[in-house]
């Protein structure tokens, strides 16, 4: 059964967590630059330009907050790794992201996007380890699953899950480009957004 597109509405961009409005429950979306965070948000909303996408890493440069028809919020964070942004801008990201993740009262889960074709890179593993060390609820979504050859998918699932310290069934395999499992992600997001569900 198809799940209606989440009604996502862009609310604001902020450079400080203190500038974000309060929320009943929130999901943060993180991942390497160019892993498809903006594409996932657009697919969830069934809109092409709600979140700005680009082949150039580093387009997301602030805490971008969206509210949803489920009464919760989604925050798109700057990507980690290489980004085509000025050094003075990039230098502000680590503190901004850490402050947000560690002090946002109603943050229910952190959705970590992993490139399904490439698998977890060292920087992905470092991010997962850091999030877990701070006892944040981590949900892994493997985006770009359509780019994995059908003959290699079962092996890829095992390898990617092992690299993330998870079982294959604990990862949601998705593709924003092909709308694969986007319905399931829409269903899970409101559940993941509530701190009580950690």
Protein backbone atom coordinates (compact mmCIF):
# COMPACT_ATOMS: atom_id res chain seq x y z
CA UNK A 1 0.00 0.00 0.00
CA UNK A 2 1.43 3.35 -1.04
CA UNK A 3 2.14 5.92 1.64
CA UNK A 4 1.18 9.49 0.65
CA UNK A 5 4.15 11.83 0.17
CA UNK A 6 5.11 13.62 3.35
CA UNK A 7 4.09 17.24 3.17
CA UNK A 8 7.48 18.80 3.79
CA UNK A 9 7.76 22.56 4.04
CA UNK A 10 11.04 24.42 4.21
CA UNK A 11 11.04 26.53 7.37
CA UNK A 12 14.46 28.09 7.71
CA UNK A 13 18.24 27.80 7.57
CA UNK A 14 20.29 28.50 10.67
CA UNK A 15 23.96 28.56 11.56
CA UNK A 16 23.27 27.93 15.27
CA UNK A 17 21.05 25.35 16.93
CA UNK A 18 19.80 28.09 19.26
CA UNK A 19 18.14 29.79 16.29
CA UNK A 20 15.97 26.79 15.42
CA UNK A 21 12.36 26.73 16.67
CA UNK A 22 11.25 24.09 19.19
CA UNK A 23 9.81 20.86 17.83
CA UNK A 24 7.80 17.89 19.07
CA UNK A 25 10.17 15.42 17.44
CA UNK A 26 12.96 15.60 14.91
CA UNK A 27 15.08 13.54 12.54
CA UNK A 28 18.51 14.71 11.40
CA UNK A 29 19.85 13.57 8.04
CA UNK A 30 23.62 13.28 7.73
CA UNK A 31 26.05 11.76 5.29
CA UNK A 32 29.04 12.35 3.09
CA UNK A 33 28.84 15.20 0.64
CA UNK A 34 27.04 14.08 -2.51
CA UNK A 35 25.51 10.94 -0.98
CA UNK A 36 22.06 12.27 -1.89
CA UNK A 37 20.66 13.91 1.23
CA UNK A 38 18.79 16.59 -0.71
CA UNK A 39 17.58 14.04 -3.26
CA UNK A 40 16.14 11.88 -0.47
CA UNK A 41 14.30 14.88 1.01
CA UNK A 42 12.88 15.76 -2.41
CA UNK A 43 11.80 12.15 -2.98
CA UNK A 44 10.08 12.03 0.40
CA UNK A 45 8.08 15.12 -0.53
CA UNK A 46 7.64 14.05 -4.17
CA UNK A 47 9.04 17.43 -5.20
CA UNK A 48 12.07 18.13 -7.36
CA UNK A 49 13.39 21.34 -5.89
CA UNK A 50 12.34 21.48 -2.24
CA UNK A 51 15.94 20.85 -1.22
CA UNK A 52 18.68 22.08 -3.49
CA UNK A 53 20.55 19.29 -5.27
CA UNK A 54 23.81 19.49 -7.16
CA UNK A 55 26.61 17.31 -8.50
CA UNK A 56 28.94 19.68 -6.68
CA UNK A 57 29.52 18.56 -3.07
CA UNK A 58 28.88 21.10 -0.36
CA UNK A 59 25.64 22.80 -1.38
CA UNK A 60 24.13 22.33 2.08
CA UNK A 61 25.96 24.83 4.26
CA UNK A 62 23.63 25.35 7.22
CA UNK A 63 21.06 23.58 9.41
CA UNK A 64 18.12 23.37 7.02
CA UNK A 65 14.86 22.69 8.82
CA UNK A 66 11.69 21.30 7.25
CA UNK A 67 8.40 20.61 8.98
CA UNK A 68 6.20 17.69 8.00
CA UNK A 69 2.52 16.86 7.84
CA UNK A 70 3.20 14.28 10.57
CA UNK A 71 3.87 17.10 13.05
CA UNK A 72 7.59 16.40 13.25
CA UNK A 73 10.60 18.06 11.67
CA UNK A 74 13.54 17.05 9.50
CA UNK A 75 16.92 18.79 9.58
CA UNK A 76 19.35 18.44 6.69
CA UNK A 77 22.94 18.92 7.91
CA UNK A 78 26.02 19.84 5.86
CA UNK A 79 27.74 16.79 4.42
CA UNK A 80 31.01 15.57 5.82
CA UNK A 81 34.07 14.96 3.68
CA UNK A 82 35.06 16.98 0.64
CA UNK A 83 32.86 19.97 -0.08
CA UNK A 84 33.19 22.68 -2.69
CA UNK A 85 32.66 25.52 -0.24
CA UNK A 86 34.96 28.28 1.00
CA UNK A 87 37.36 27.23 3.74
CA UNK A 88 36.01 29.89 6.10
CA UNK A 89 32.52 28.35 5.66
CA UNK A 90 33.67 24.74 6.02
CA UNK A 91 35.59 25.59 9.18
CA UNK A 92 32.33 26.46 10.97
CA UNK A 93 30.59 23.17 10.18
CA UNK A 94 32.08 20.73 12.73
CA UNK A 95 31.21 22.87 15.76
CA UNK A 96 27.78 23.74 14.34
CA UNK A 97 26.93 20.10 13.61
CA UNK A 98 28.27 18.79 16.93
CA UNK A 99 26.41 21.46 18.88
CA UNK A 100 23.19 20.59 17.07
CA UNK A 101 23.53 16.83 17.55
CA UNK A 102 24.45 17.03 21.23
CA UNK A 103 22.07 19.76 22.41
CA UNK A 104 18.90 19.45 20.33
CA UNK A 105 16.39 18.38 22.98
CA UNK A 106 13.82 16.69 20.78
CA UNK A 107 16.15 14.93 18.35
CA UNK A 108 14.79 11.42 18.02
CA UNK A 109 17.13 9.83 15.50
CA UNK A 110 20.04 10.54 13.20
CA UNK A 111 19.57 9.07 9.74
CA UNK A 112 22.97 8.30 8.26
CA UNK A 113 22.96 7.99 4.49
CA UNK A 114 25.53 5.60 3.05
CA UNK A 115 26.28 5.23 -0.67
CA UNK A 116 25.04 1.72 -1.47
CA UNK A 117 27.34 1.40 -4.47
CA UNK A 118 30.51 2.53 -2.67
CA UNK A 119 29.75 1.24 0.81
CA UNK A 120 30.86 2.83 4.10
CA UNK A 121 34.06 4.83 3.72
CA UNK A 122 36.41 5.50 6.65
CA UNK A 123 34.72 8.86 7.25
CA UNK A 124 31.30 7.14 7.35
CA UNK A 125 32.57 4.65 9.92
CA UNK A 126 34.09 7.46 11.99
CA UNK A 127 30.76 9.32 11.94
CA UNK A 128 28.84 6.20 12.99
CA UNK A 129 31.29 5.54 15.82
CA UNK A 130 31.02 9.14 17.04
CA UNK A 131 27.22 9.12 16.98
CA UNK A 132 27.08 5.84 18.88
CA UNK A 133 29.64 7.00 21.41
CA UNK A 134 27.26 9.83 22.29
CA UNK A 135 24.34 7.39 22.54
CA UNK A 136 22.41 8.91 19.66
CA UNK A 137 19.86 6.71 17.92
CA UNK A 138 21.33 5.88 14.51
CA UNK A 139 19.32 4.69 11.50
CA UNK A 140 21.27 3.72 8.38
CA UNK A 141 19.77 4.21 4.93
CA UNK A 142 21.76 2.94 1.94
CA UNK A 143 20.91 5.32 -0.90
CA UNK A 144 21.66 4.78 -4.62
CA UNK A 145 20.83 1.06 -4.30
CA UNK A 146 19.74 1.12 -7.94
CA UNK A 147 23.39 1.54 -8.94
CA UNK A 148 24.36 -1.82 -7.44
CA UNK A 149 24.27 -4.57 -10.05
CA UNK A 150 21.55 -7.13 -9.34
CA UNK A 151 24.09 -9.97 -9.30
CA UNK A 152 26.09 -8.25 -6.55
CA UNK A 153 23.30 -7.01 -4.30
CA UNK A 154 23.27 -9.80 -1.71
CA UNK A 155 27.05 -9.61 -1.29
CA UNK A 156 26.88 -5.81 -1.14
CA UNK A 157 24.20 -5.97 1.56
CA UNK A 158 26.37 -8.20 3.72
CA UNK A 159 29.54 -6.17 3.19
CA UNK A 160 27.91 -2.79 3.72
CA UNK A 161 26.09 -3.94 6.85
CA UNK A 162 29.27 -5.44 8.29
CA UNK A 163 31.13 -2.19 7.60
CA UNK A 164 28.45 -0.31 9.53
CA UNK A 165 28.44 -2.78 12.43
CA UNK A 166 24.88 -3.89 11.63
CA UNK A 167 22.91 -6.81 10.23
CA UNK A 168 21.66 -6.45 6.61
CA UNK A 169 18.05 -6.33 7.82
CA UNK A 170 18.81 -3.30 10.01
CA UNK A 171 19.56 -1.15 6.97
CA UNK A 172 16.92 0.42 4.74
CA UNK A 173 18.00 0.03 1.11
CA UNK A 174 16.68 2.88 -0.98
CA UNK A 175 17.05 4.93 -4.13
CA UNK A 176 15.84 8.50 -4.39
CA UNK A 177 16.36 8.39 -8.15
CA UNK A 178 14.18 5.30 -8.66
CA UNK A 179 11.80 5.91 -5.73
CA UNK A 180 12.84 2.58 -4.23
CA UNK A 181 11.67 2.12 -0.62
CA UNK A 182 10.83 5.82 -0.33
CA UNK A 183 7.33 4.81 0.82
CA UNK A 184 8.90 2.78 3.63
CA UNK A 185 11.13 5.69 4.61
CA UNK A 186 8.05 7.96 4.75
CA UNK A 187 6.41 5.46 7.08
CA UNK A 188 9.41 5.20 9.39
CA UNK A 189 10.42 8.86 9.66
CA UNK A 190 7.62 9.97 12.02
CA UNK A 191 8.42 6.98 14.27
CA UNK A 192 12.13 7.76 14.25
CA UNK A 193 11.49 11.44 15.05
CA UNK A 194 10.28 10.96 18.60
CA UNK A 195 12.91 10.94 21.35
CA UNK A 196 10.82 8.43 23.29
CA UNK A 197 11.45 5.91 20.51
CA UNK A 198 15.24 5.93 20.87
